[in-house]
């Protein structure tokens, strides 16, 4: 059986500041707590023979994966389709400001100068299908809260991408086999239409 281990990156400085970040060029290092979280994630995965690790263009995802896999030789793949949502002009806003903007708009409304949540969702579904097309048996994916949330809610056949799971903890593994990841991608596509 193939296995996909999806995890949100470990705690970053922007998590502590409660700020949104959809631009991979904006630096957001892991905190000391984040580094410890990533190493603990590595201990939790130490018995798995990981064939490939996947990260986004955001440094915090790559650093989380590298710390988790410290001492192991595992090929890496950067997957921009799993990047965080491009929030455009909302870059650096507080989470409260970001959530207020979201409440006043629909999922199809693009963030000013960015993409819509539905655009991002369709991108995530495409990324999951791309992973399903790979040959490796155990793939470790470190991404962001939103694609993990959408995958969890999609595989649960929820009527919402943001529920019932909303808050995805940092550096926590979520396991998917082929059928669950395909179900997630299909449901994400369906809900993002």
Foldseek 3Di string as FASTA:
>chain_A
DFKEKEFEFFAWPCVVVQWDAQDLVDAIEHDPRRLVLLCVLLVVCVVPPAAEEEEESHPRQVSSPCSSQPPHDHHYYYDNLQGDFFLAPSGGPHNVVVVVVPVVDDQCDHRVRTGGVLVSLLSLLVVLVVVLPDDDRYYYYYGHQQSVQLLVCQLVVHLDSCPPPHDHHHNDIDMDDSVSSNSSSVSSNVNSD
